[in-house]
Protein backbone atom coordinates (compact mmCIF):
# COMPACT_ATOMS: atom_id res chain seq x y z
CA MET A 1 -30.81 73.54 -53.15
CA ALA A 2 -31.38 77.03 -51.75
CA THR A 3 -34.01 79.25 -53.35
CA SER A 4 -34.48 82.97 -52.88
CA VAL A 5 -37.38 85.41 -52.87
CA THR A 6 -37.67 89.07 -51.93
CA GLU A 7 -40.49 89.94 -49.57
CA THR A 8 -41.84 93.40 -48.86
CA GLU A 9 -44.02 93.67 -45.77
CA ARG A 10 -45.09 95.84 -42.87
CA LYS A 11 -46.01 94.80 -39.33
CA TYR A 12 -48.66 96.25 -37.04
CA GLU A 13 -49.62 96.05 -33.39
CA ALA A 14 -53.19 94.93 -32.85
CA PRO A 15 -55.08 95.09 -29.53
CA SER A 16 -56.64 91.73 -28.68
CA ASP A 17 -60.15 93.12 -29.20
CA ALA A 18 -59.43 95.00 -32.46
CA SER A 19 -61.30 93.89 -35.58
CA LEU A 20 -59.79 93.96 -39.04
CA PRO A 21 -61.45 96.42 -41.45
CA ASP A 22 -63.45 95.16 -44.42
CA LEU A 23 -60.58 94.16 -46.72
CA THR A 24 -62.81 93.97 -49.79
CA GLU A 25 -62.99 97.77 -49.72
CA ILE A 26 -59.26 97.95 -50.52
CA THR A 27 -58.87 95.91 -53.72
CA GLY A 28 -62.37 94.68 -54.41
CA VAL A 29 -61.60 91.03 -53.73
CA ALA A 30 -60.40 89.46 -50.46
CA THR A 31 -60.43 85.69 -50.05
CA GLY A 32 -60.04 83.95 -46.71
CA PRO A 33 -59.39 83.49 -43.96
CA GLU A 34 -57.20 80.41 -44.21
CA GLU A 35 -55.76 79.17 -40.91
CA PHE A 36 -52.28 77.79 -40.20
CA ASP A 37 -50.32 76.72 -37.13
CA LEU A 38 -46.62 77.57 -37.39
CA GLU A 39 -43.71 76.58 -35.15
CA ALA A 40 -40.31 78.21 -35.58
CA THR A 41 -36.93 77.93 -33.86
CA TYR A 42 -34.61 80.90 -34.31
CA PHE A 43 -30.81 80.67 -34.38
CA ASP A 44 -28.16 83.27 -33.58
CA THR A 45 -24.86 83.75 -31.78
CA ASP A 46 -24.86 84.13 -28.00
CA ASP A 47 -24.54 87.92 -28.37
CA TYR A 48 -27.27 88.19 -31.03
CA ARG A 49 -25.04 89.34 -33.92
CA LEU A 50 -27.60 88.39 -36.56
CA ALA A 51 -30.44 90.19 -34.81
CA ARG A 52 -28.36 93.34 -34.42
CA ALA A 53 -27.64 93.26 -38.15
CA GLY A 54 -31.32 92.86 -39.06
CA VAL A 55 -30.81 89.21 -40.08
CA THR A 56 -32.96 86.26 -38.95
CA LEU A 57 -32.32 82.54 -39.36
CA ARG A 58 -35.05 80.08 -38.45
CA ARG A 59 -36.36 76.56 -38.89
CA ARG A 60 -40.12 76.63 -39.35
CA VAL A 61 -42.63 73.79 -39.45
CA GLY A 62 -46.13 74.31 -40.79
CA GLY A 63 -47.62 76.48 -43.49
CA GLU A 64 -46.99 76.44 -47.23
CA ASP A 65 -43.30 77.38 -47.06
CA GLU A 66 -41.99 75.35 -44.14
CA GLY A 67 -38.24 74.88 -44.08
CA TRP A 68 -35.10 76.77 -43.12
CA HIS A 69 -35.39 80.51 -43.80
CA LEU A 70 -32.63 83.13 -43.79
CA LYS A 71 -33.91 86.71 -44.03
CA LEU A 72 -31.43 89.40 -45.14
CA PRO A 73 -31.94 93.19 -45.34
CA ALA A 74 -32.95 94.36 -48.82
CA GLY A 75 -34.09 97.97 -48.46
CA GLU A 76 -37.05 99.72 -46.88
CA ASP A 77 -39.80 97.28 -45.82
CA SER A 78 -38.03 94.52 -47.81
CA ARG A 79 -35.90 91.49 -47.05
CA GLN A 80 -34.42 88.77 -49.20
CA GLU A 81 -35.46 85.35 -47.95
CA VAL A 82 -33.20 82.39 -48.79
CA ARG A 83 -34.93 79.03 -48.25
CA VAL A 84 -33.67 75.49 -47.79
CA PRO A 85 -35.89 72.40 -47.27
CA LEU A 86 -36.25 71.10 -43.70
CA GLY A 87 -34.05 68.02 -44.05
CA ARG A 88 -33.04 66.04 -40.98
CA ALA A 89 -31.09 68.73 -39.15
CA VAL A 90 -32.88 70.28 -36.18
CA LYS A 91 -30.20 71.77 -33.94
CA THR A 92 -27.71 72.91 -36.59
CA PRO A 93 -28.53 75.25 -39.50
CA PRO A 94 -27.62 73.94 -42.96
CA LYS A 95 -24.29 75.09 -44.38
CA ASP A 96 -26.07 76.63 -47.37
CA LEU A 97 -27.43 79.25 -44.95
CA SER A 98 -24.85 79.43 -42.17
CA SER A 99 -22.16 80.22 -44.76
CA LEU A 100 -24.13 83.30 -45.82
CA VAL A 101 -23.89 84.94 -42.38
CA ARG A 102 -20.15 84.54 -41.78
CA ALA A 103 -19.66 88.30 -42.08
CA HIS A 104 -21.56 88.44 -38.80
CA THR A 105 -20.62 85.20 -37.02
CA ARG A 106 -16.89 85.32 -37.91
CA GLY A 107 -16.25 81.87 -36.46
CA SER A 108 -18.75 82.01 -33.60
CA GLY A 109 -21.31 79.20 -33.42
CA LEU A 110 -25.03 79.43 -34.10
CA GLY A 111 -27.49 78.00 -31.62
CA PRO A 112 -31.22 78.17 -30.84
CA ILE A 113 -32.21 81.38 -29.04
CA ALA A 114 -36.03 81.41 -29.24
CA GLU A 115 -39.09 79.36 -30.11
CA ILE A 116 -42.14 81.06 -31.58
CA ARG A 117 -45.55 79.49 -32.15
CA THR A 118 -48.07 81.29 -34.32
CA ASN A 119 -51.72 80.75 -35.04
CA ARG A 120 -52.22 82.53 -38.35
CA ARG A 121 -55.30 83.59 -40.28
CA ARG A 122 -54.59 84.75 -43.83
CA TRP A 123 -56.53 86.80 -46.39
CA GLN A 124 -55.40 87.28 -50.00
CA LEU A 125 -56.17 90.57 -51.74
CA THR A 126 -56.51 90.23 -55.51
CA ASN A 127 -57.68 92.32 -58.44
CA GLY A 128 -60.40 91.46 -60.91
CA ASN A 129 -57.98 89.31 -62.92
CA GLY A 130 -57.13 87.14 -59.94
CA GLU A 131 -53.63 88.62 -59.60
CA LEU A 132 -52.30 88.56 -56.02
CA LEU A 133 -51.77 92.09 -54.79
CA ALA A 134 -51.12 91.49 -51.10
CA GLU A 135 -51.60 89.10 -48.21
CA VAL A 136 -52.91 90.21 -44.84
CA VAL A 137 -52.29 87.88 -41.90
CA ASP A 138 -53.62 88.07 -38.36
CA ASP A 139 -51.16 86.33 -36.01
CA VAL A 140 -51.59 85.28 -32.40
CA VAL A 141 -48.06 84.67 -31.18
CA THR A 142 -46.62 82.76 -28.22
CA ALA A 143 -42.86 82.94 -27.82
CA GLN A 144 -40.16 81.92 -25.38
CA THR A 145 -36.47 82.61 -25.18
CA MET A 146 -34.00 79.75 -24.88
CA GLY A 147 -30.84 79.45 -22.82
CA SER A 148 -29.90 79.42 -19.15
CA SER A 149 -33.10 81.33 -18.35
CA THR A 150 -36.30 81.62 -20.33
CA THR A 151 -39.14 84.08 -20.59
CA THR A 152 -42.49 83.55 -22.25
CA THR A 153 -44.64 86.22 -23.86
CA SER A 154 -47.59 86.45 -26.21
CA TRP A 155 -49.13 89.11 -28.42
CA ARG A 156 -51.17 89.72 -31.53
CA GLU A 157 -49.86 91.33 -34.68
CA ILE A 158 -50.92 92.00 -38.25
CA GLU A 159 -48.61 91.59 -41.25
CA VAL A 160 -49.22 92.90 -44.75
CA GLU A 161 -46.99 91.47 -47.50
CA LEU A 162 -47.00 92.59 -51.13
CA GLY A 163 -47.79 90.08 -53.85
CA GLU A 164 -46.37 90.19 -57.37
CA GLY A 165 -49.07 92.60 -58.53
CA GLY A 166 -48.91 94.99 -55.57
CA ASP A 167 -46.94 98.18 -54.96
CA ARG A 168 -46.01 100.44 -52.05
CA ALA A 169 -49.01 102.66 -52.70
CA LEU A 170 -51.18 99.65 -51.85
CA LEU A 171 -49.25 99.19 -48.59
CA ASP A 172 -50.03 102.81 -47.73
CA THR A 173 -53.72 102.27 -48.48
CA VAL A 174 -53.92 99.15 -46.33
CA GLU A 175 -52.10 100.96 -43.53
CA GLN A 176 -54.64 103.77 -43.64
CA HIS A 177 -57.55 101.30 -43.31
CA LEU A 178 -55.80 99.49 -40.45
CA GLY A 179 -55.15 102.76 -38.66
CA GLU A 180 -58.84 103.63 -38.78
CA ALA A 181 -59.47 100.32 -37.01
CA GLY A 182 -56.99 101.15 -34.23
CA ILE A 183 -54.18 98.96 -35.64
CA THR A 184 -50.88 100.85 -35.64
CA PRO A 185 -47.36 100.21 -37.03
CA SER A 186 -45.28 97.90 -34.86
CA SER A 187 -42.23 99.17 -33.01
CA SER A 188 -40.55 95.81 -33.72
CA LYS A 189 -39.41 94.84 -37.20
CA SER A 190 -39.73 91.11 -36.51
CA LYS A 191 -41.27 88.66 -34.09
CA LEU A 192 -37.80 87.69 -32.94
CA SER A 193 -36.78 91.22 -32.00
CA GLN A 194 -39.92 91.53 -29.92
CA VAL A 195 -39.25 88.38 -27.90
CA ILE A 196 -35.51 88.83 -27.30
CA GLY A 197 -35.67 92.61 -26.90
CA VAL A 198 -32.82 93.29 -29.35
CA LYS A 199 -33.24 95.81 -32.15
CA ARG A 200 -31.24 96.19 -35.31
CA ASP A 201 -28.23 98.49 -35.00
CA ALA A 202 -29.26 101.80 -36.55
CA ILE A 203 -27.18 104.09 -38.73
CA PRO A 204 -26.74 107.38 -36.81
CA THR A 205 -29.11 110.13 -37.86
CA LEU A 206 -27.88 113.68 -38.32
CA GLY A 207 -29.39 116.75 -36.73
CA LYS A 208 -29.82 120.13 -38.41
CA LYS A 209 -26.34 121.34 -37.45
CA PRO A 210 -24.11 118.24 -37.31
CA THR A 211 -20.44 118.27 -36.46
CA ALA A 212 -17.84 117.18 -38.98
CA GLY A 213 -17.24 114.01 -37.00
CA GLU A 214 -20.93 113.11 -36.94
CA VAL A 215 -21.22 113.45 -40.72
CA VAL A 216 -18.14 111.34 -41.47
CA LEU A 217 -19.08 108.63 -38.95
CA ALA A 218 -22.63 108.38 -40.29
CA TYR A 219 -21.19 107.77 -43.76
CA LEU A 220 -18.81 105.11 -42.44
CA HIS A 221 -21.72 103.36 -40.71
CA GLU A 222 -23.61 103.33 -44.03
CA GLN A 223 -20.69 101.74 -45.85
CA ARG A 224 -20.20 99.07 -43.18
CA ALA A 225 -23.87 98.13 -43.55
CA ALA A 226 -23.56 98.08 -47.35
CA LEU A 227 -20.44 95.91 -47.21
CA GLN A 228 -22.05 93.37 -44.89
CA ASN A 229 -25.33 93.35 -46.82
CA GLN A 230 -23.50 92.54 -50.06
CA ASP A 231 -21.40 89.77 -48.51
CA PRO A 232 -24.05 87.00 -48.82
CA ARG A 233 -24.92 88.19 -52.33
CA VAL A 234 -21.28 87.83 -53.37
CA ARG A 235 -21.19 84.33 -51.91
CA ARG A 236 -24.30 83.45 -53.93
CA ASN A 237 -22.71 84.98 -57.06
CA GLU A 238 -25.65 87.33 -57.59
CA THR A 239 -25.59 89.92 -60.37
CA ASP A 240 -23.71 93.14 -59.51
CA ALA A 241 -22.97 91.96 -55.94
CA VAL A 242 -19.17 92.04 -56.31
CA HIS A 243 -19.38 95.54 -57.78
CA GLN A 244 -21.55 96.87 -54.95
CA MET A 245 -19.40 95.30 -52.24
CA ARG A 246 -16.25 96.67 -53.86
CA VAL A 247 -17.83 100.14 -54.09
CA ALA A 248 -18.71 100.09 -50.38
CA THR A 249 -15.11 99.09 -49.60
CA ARG A 250 -13.71 101.89 -51.74
CA ARG A 251 -16.11 104.46 -50.36
CA MET A 252 -15.05 103.67 -46.82
CA ARG A 253 -11.37 103.79 -47.72
CA SER A 254 -11.77 107.06 -49.61
CA ALA A 255 -13.65 108.68 -46.72
CA LEU A 256 -10.95 107.68 -44.23
CA GLN A 257 -8.26 109.10 -46.51
CA ALA A 258 -10.02 112.34 -47.47
CA TYR A 259 -11.19 113.08 -43.94
CA GLY A 260 -8.05 112.02 -42.12
CA LYS A 261 -8.07 115.33 -40.25
CA VAL A 262 -11.48 114.43 -38.79
CA VAL A 263 -10.94 110.72 -38.12
CA ASP A 264 -7.24 110.54 -37.27
CA ARG A 265 -5.43 109.32 -40.39
CA GLU A 266 -2.53 107.76 -38.52
CA ALA A 267 -4.92 105.55 -36.56
CA THR A 268 -6.62 104.23 -39.70
CA ARG A 269 -3.69 103.49 -42.02
CA THR A 270 -3.72 99.77 -41.35
CA LEU A 271 -7.47 99.64 -41.92
CA THR A 272 -7.27 101.50 -45.23
CA ASP A 273 -4.51 99.12 -46.34
CA GLU A 274 -6.80 96.17 -45.56
CA LEU A 275 -9.69 97.81 -47.37
CA LYS A 276 -7.43 98.16 -50.41
CA TRP A 277 -6.61 94.44 -50.11
CA LEU A 278 -10.32 93.53 -50.08
CA ALA A 279 -11.06 95.77 -53.07
CA THR A 280 -8.20 94.06 -54.94
CA VAL A 281 -9.53 90.59 -54.08
CA LEU A 282 -12.97 91.53 -55.40
CA GLY A 283 -11.46 93.37 -58.36
CA THR A 284 -10.56 90.25 -60.36
CA SER A 285 -14.18 89.10 -60.51
CA ARG A 286 -15.43 92.59 -61.22
CA ASP A 287 -12.91 93.30 -63.99
CA LEU A 288 -13.76 90.04 -65.75
CA GLU A 289 -17.48 90.81 -65.49
CA VAL A 290 -16.95 94.29 -66.94
CA LEU A 291 -14.87 93.02 -69.86
CA ARG A 292 -17.23 90.17 -70.74
CA THR A 293 -20.27 92.45 -70.66
CA ARG A 294 -18.42 95.10 -72.66
CA PHE A 295 -17.45 92.64 -75.39
CA GLU A 296 -20.90 91.05 -75.53
CA ASN A 297 -22.60 94.44 -75.89
CA ALA A 298 -20.16 95.54 -78.59
CA LEU A 299 -20.66 92.26 -80.46
CA HIS A 300 -24.45 92.59 -80.38
CA ALA A 301 -24.17 96.12 -81.76
CA LEU A 302 -22.21 94.97 -84.84
CA PRO A 303 -24.02 94.36 -88.13
CA VAL A 304 -24.69 90.65 -88.47
CA GLU A 305 -22.51 90.32 -91.55
CA LEU A 306 -19.46 91.60 -89.60
CA ALA A 307 -19.75 89.04 -86.80
CA LEU A 308 -17.82 86.29 -88.55
CA GLY A 309 -17.69 82.91 -86.84
CA ASP A 310 -19.12 82.06 -83.44
CA VAL A 311 -17.58 84.93 -81.50
CA ALA A 312 -20.13 84.68 -78.68
CA ALA A 313 -19.14 81.08 -77.98
CA ARG A 314 -15.47 82.07 -78.05
CA LEU A 315 -16.14 84.73 -75.41
CA THR A 316 -17.98 82.20 -73.24
CA ARG A 317 -15.15 79.68 -73.48
CA HIS A 318 -12.68 82.37 -72.50
CA PHE A 319 -14.50 84.06 -69.64
CA ALA A 320 -16.55 81.29 -67.99
CA PRO A 321 -13.62 79.41 -66.38
CA LEU A 322 -11.86 82.64 -65.42
CA GLU A 323 -14.97 84.04 -63.75
CA ALA A 324 -15.64 80.76 -61.93
CA LYS A 325 -12.07 80.70 -60.61
CA ALA A 326 -12.27 84.36 -59.56
CA HIS A 327 -15.55 83.76 -57.73
CA GLN A 328 -14.04 80.84 -55.84
CA ALA A 329 -11.07 83.00 -54.86
CA SER A 330 -13.38 85.79 -53.65
CA VAL A 331 -15.43 83.43 -51.48
CA ALA A 332 -12.27 81.84 -50.09
CA ALA A 333 -11.05 85.30 -49.06
CA LEU A 334 -14.43 86.07 -47.44
CA ASP A 335 -14.08 82.87 -45.40
CA GLY A 336 -10.59 83.78 -44.22
CA LYS A 337 -9.25 85.18 -40.95
CA ARG A 338 -7.88 88.27 -42.67
CA TYR A 339 -11.36 89.32 -43.82
CA PHE A 340 -12.87 88.67 -40.39
CA ALA A 341 -10.09 90.73 -38.82
CA LEU A 342 -10.90 93.55 -41.24
CA LEU A 343 -14.56 93.47 -40.22
CA ASN A 344 -13.54 93.48 -36.55
CA SER A 345 -11.35 96.52 -37.20
CA ILE A 346 -14.25 98.38 -38.81
CA ASP A 347 -16.46 97.58 -35.82
CA ALA A 348 -13.77 98.75 -33.41
CA LEU A 349 -13.31 101.99 -35.35
CA LEU A 350 -17.00 102.81 -35.22
CA ALA A 351 -17.36 101.77 -31.58
CA SER A 352 -14.49 104.03 -30.49
CA PRO A 353 -13.61 106.40 -33.34
CA PRO A 354 -10.23 108.20 -33.15
CA LEU A 355 -11.70 111.66 -33.66
CA THR A 356 -9.49 114.72 -33.85
CA ALA A 357 -10.15 118.16 -32.37
CA LEU A 358 -11.42 119.22 -35.80
CA ALA A 359 -14.22 116.63 -35.61
CA SER A 360 -16.15 118.72 -33.08
CA GLY A 361 -16.32 121.67 -35.46
CA LYS A 362 -19.42 122.46 -37.47
CA ALA A 363 -19.61 120.34 -40.58
CA LYS A 364 -20.45 123.31 -42.80
CA ASP A 365 -17.24 125.01 -41.71
CA VAL A 366 -14.85 122.04 -41.65
CA LEU A 367 -15.85 119.80 -44.56
CA PRO A 368 -15.58 122.24 -47.51
CA ARG A 369 -11.84 122.72 -46.96
CA LEU A 370 -11.24 118.98 -47.04
CA VAL A 371 -13.37 118.51 -50.16
CA GLU A 372 -11.37 121.27 -51.85
CA LYS A 373 -8.17 119.34 -51.12
CA ALA A 374 -9.64 116.40 -53.06
CA ARG A 375 -10.55 118.78 -55.89
CA HIS A 376 -6.99 120.14 -56.00
CA ARG A 377 -5.67 116.59 -56.14
CA LEU A 378 -7.85 115.94 -59.21
CA ASP A 379 -6.77 119.18 -60.90
CA VAL A 380 -3.10 118.21 -60.53
CA ARG A 381 -3.76 114.72 -61.96
CA ILE A 382 -5.71 116.00 -64.96
CA GLU A 383 -3.13 118.67 -65.76
CA ALA A 384 -0.44 115.99 -65.71
CA ALA A 385 -2.49 113.70 -67.96
CA LEU A 386 -3.22 116.41 -70.53
CA ALA A 387 0.42 117.47 -70.62
CA THR A 388 1.58 114.15 -72.11
CA SER A 389 0.67 112.49 -75.39
CA GLU A 390 0.91 109.00 -73.88
CA GLY A 391 -1.18 109.42 -70.79
CA ASP A 392 -2.97 106.12 -70.20
CA GLU A 393 -1.46 105.70 -66.73
CA ALA A 394 -1.82 109.41 -65.99
CA LEU A 395 -5.48 109.32 -66.98
CA HIS A 396 -5.97 106.30 -64.75
CA GLU A 397 -4.51 108.25 -61.83
CA ALA A 398 -6.85 111.13 -62.67
CA ARG A 399 -9.76 108.73 -62.64
CA LYS A 400 -8.87 107.60 -59.12
CA ALA A 401 -8.62 111.24 -58.02
CA ALA A 402 -12.05 111.94 -59.54
CA LYS A 403 -13.45 109.01 -57.61
CA ARG A 404 -12.01 110.36 -54.36
CA LEU A 405 -13.50 113.79 -55.04
CA ARG A 406 -16.86 112.22 -55.84
CA TYR A 407 -16.91 110.23 -52.59
CA SER A 408 -15.60 113.20 -50.58
CA ALA A 409 -18.47 115.33 -51.83
CA GLU A 410 -20.87 112.45 -51.19
CA VAL A 411 -19.79 112.29 -47.54
CA ALA A 412 -20.38 116.02 -47.12
CA GLU A 413 -23.66 116.15 -49.03
CA PRO A 414 -26.00 115.73 -46.00
CA ALA A 415 -24.40 118.81 -44.41
CA LEU A 416 -23.57 120.95 -47.45
CA GLY A 417 -26.64 120.26 -49.56
CA LYS A 418 -27.09 121.03 -53.25
CA HIS A 419 -23.62 122.49 -53.82
CA ALA A 420 -21.98 119.26 -52.70
CA GLU A 421 -24.52 117.30 -54.73
CA LYS A 422 -23.65 119.20 -57.92
CA LEU A 423 -19.95 118.77 -57.31
CA ARG A 424 -20.45 115.05 -56.70
CA LYS A 425 -22.35 114.68 -59.98
CA ARG A 426 -19.68 116.55 -61.95
CA ALA A 427 -16.95 114.45 -60.38
CA LYS A 428 -18.90 111.32 -61.24
CA ASP A 429 -19.14 112.48 -64.88
CA VAL A 430 -15.35 112.82 -65.02
CA GLN A 431 -14.86 109.49 -63.26
CA THR A 432 -17.25 107.74 -65.66
CA LEU A 433 -15.54 109.20 -68.72
CA LEU A 434 -12.08 108.22 -67.47
CA GLY A 435 -13.45 104.82 -66.45
CA GLU A 436 -14.55 104.30 -70.04
CA HIS A 437 -11.04 105.19 -71.14
CA GLN A 438 -9.43 102.79 -68.66
CA ASP A 439 -11.79 99.97 -69.62
CA SER A 440 -10.68 100.47 -73.22
CA VAL A 441 -7.02 100.34 -72.19
CA VAL A 442 -7.62 97.06 -70.36
CA ALA A 443 -9.81 95.61 -73.13
CA ARG A 444 -7.42 96.01 -76.04
CA PRO A 445 -4.73 93.46 -75.10
CA VAL A 446 -7.45 90.94 -74.26
CA LEU A 447 -9.04 91.41 -77.69
CA LEU A 448 -5.63 91.16 -79.32
CA ASP A 449 -5.02 87.87 -77.55
CA LEU A 450 -8.47 86.51 -78.42
CA GLY A 451 -8.10 87.39 -82.08
CA ARG A 452 -4.55 86.19 -82.58
CA GLY A 453 -4.61 83.02 -84.71
CA ASP A 454 -8.38 82.65 -84.22
CA GLU A 455 -10.96 82.03 -86.94
CA ASN A 456 -12.89 84.97 -85.47
CA GLY A 457 -9.88 87.28 -85.75
CA PHE A 458 -11.61 89.70 -88.14
CA THR A 459 -14.41 90.44 -85.71
CA PHE A 460 -12.08 90.77 -82.74
CA GLY A 461 -10.04 93.20 -84.84
CA LEU A 462 -13.14 95.32 -85.42
CA LEU A 463 -13.84 95.37 -81.70
CA TYR A 464 -10.23 96.36 -81.06
CA GLY A 465 -10.58 99.29 -83.46
CA GLN A 466 -13.74 100.42 -81.70
CA GLU A 467 -11.90 100.41 -78.38
CA VAL A 468 -9.20 102.67 -79.82
CA GLU A 469 -11.87 105.11 -81.02
CA LEU A 470 -13.65 105.03 -77.63
CA ALA A 471 -10.42 105.92 -75.87
CA HIS A 472 -9.73 108.82 -78.25
CA LYS A 473 -13.28 110.07 -77.78
CA ALA A 474 -12.90 110.05 -73.99
CA GLU A 475 -9.61 111.95 -74.22
CA ALA A 476 -11.23 114.57 -76.46
CA GLU A 477 -14.21 115.08 -74.13
CA LEU A 478 -12.21 115.35 -70.91
CA PRO A 479 -11.28 119.09 -71.04
CA ALA A 480 -14.91 120.17 -71.40
CA LEU A 481 -16.06 118.01 -68.49
CA TRP A 482 -13.20 119.27 -66.37
CA ARG A 483 -14.24 122.89 -67.06
CA LYS A 484 -17.80 122.12 -66.00
CA LEU A 485 -16.55 120.58 -62.76
CA SER A 486 -14.35 123.63 -62.10
CA LYS A 487 -17.43 125.87 -62.04
CA GLU A 488 -18.95 124.05 -59.05
CA HIS A 489 -18.04 125.53 -55.69
CA LEU A 490 -18.99 124.69 -52.09
């Protein structure tokens, strides 16, 4: 059984003769040192795909948490660590972990690439109540690469990891004390990257006057990273993972469509079609999650006397098997050749982007015109929706146009600043309102079906009536939100 924890830590380079500062000055209490000998074998593809993605997979013996460890990116200074007991396997990672990195391996095998031995001394920093705030470890490391040729190296490093009671301000304080002792932040994010000499692929940074192409490509790099980071979370069925992966997919597709005059639209049509396919695959799970949560929240908000019968149990019986089936279908798709081909296409696009002549223009000159095209698209959709009395489908189309405008402004925001930010926020307001309307449209036939011939029919009828009112409320509020959006200009 795999378990998961999130670790937040920083690494430092320490000269062999450097002494740690008095750690008791930081939190008042520092116990230790405790000493451990650790031996770890690291696994990756031959071309280091995991390392380049900021992912490490190892089998470690020794210490309090020996076992198989998979470390996945989880934000600044943080990684999610998924653990599996050692078991009998030595040369092959367990499927519970290897399945979580398929977005990177895509059918390629995993083999040992390095062995690292560590002599560790550990101090625990606590407060007066005995709560663990942080751990400071002093590691003497000996490492060797594995393969047709090997190299051996050794060094000393310091790691500081937050405990449950610590925060980033404490990390800053510890860093200050270490700096005064001549111990500086490490240029390597992990022991493995130091021994194999491979760093994580970085998202391009923008200068003060970026070109249109640079801005769009930086955004596409961000969405590729988000998509791949959410992949293992979707496989583990973690909360909100499907939603976040689907959003990354839609953001990338929207950027390629809206900025087709920067990244040649004709060259990306197949990719955007495949991104739409992936969003659709993930959509079944997401839509079920949204509906279940919506109904549960509405039920909890009802007065107790109006919740007749065991409606909550009825919702569970209805949604649990559907969500389980949808999750299985999503994971099956993520294990398929079509998904791997999609990821390969994204990589190929970013490695050799089909930029147009317009891409070399200044972002502040090129991007506003393309954002305004997305705004015009939304205006046309809203006008069409308001012109008909039965506009559920028209409002849904307007919602999709609002989403494209929101993401178009989001792409341009690093170059266009606060004006793009305000436009993005207004577009998001419209999208959210129309999303509420669409959720109501989708919810009503489900409630009708649940309540038909059911002992809980009265309560489901009340929920149905609420959905009708929510839709009418959204329709009434739309013109005012649209006017506010119209006042924002780039």
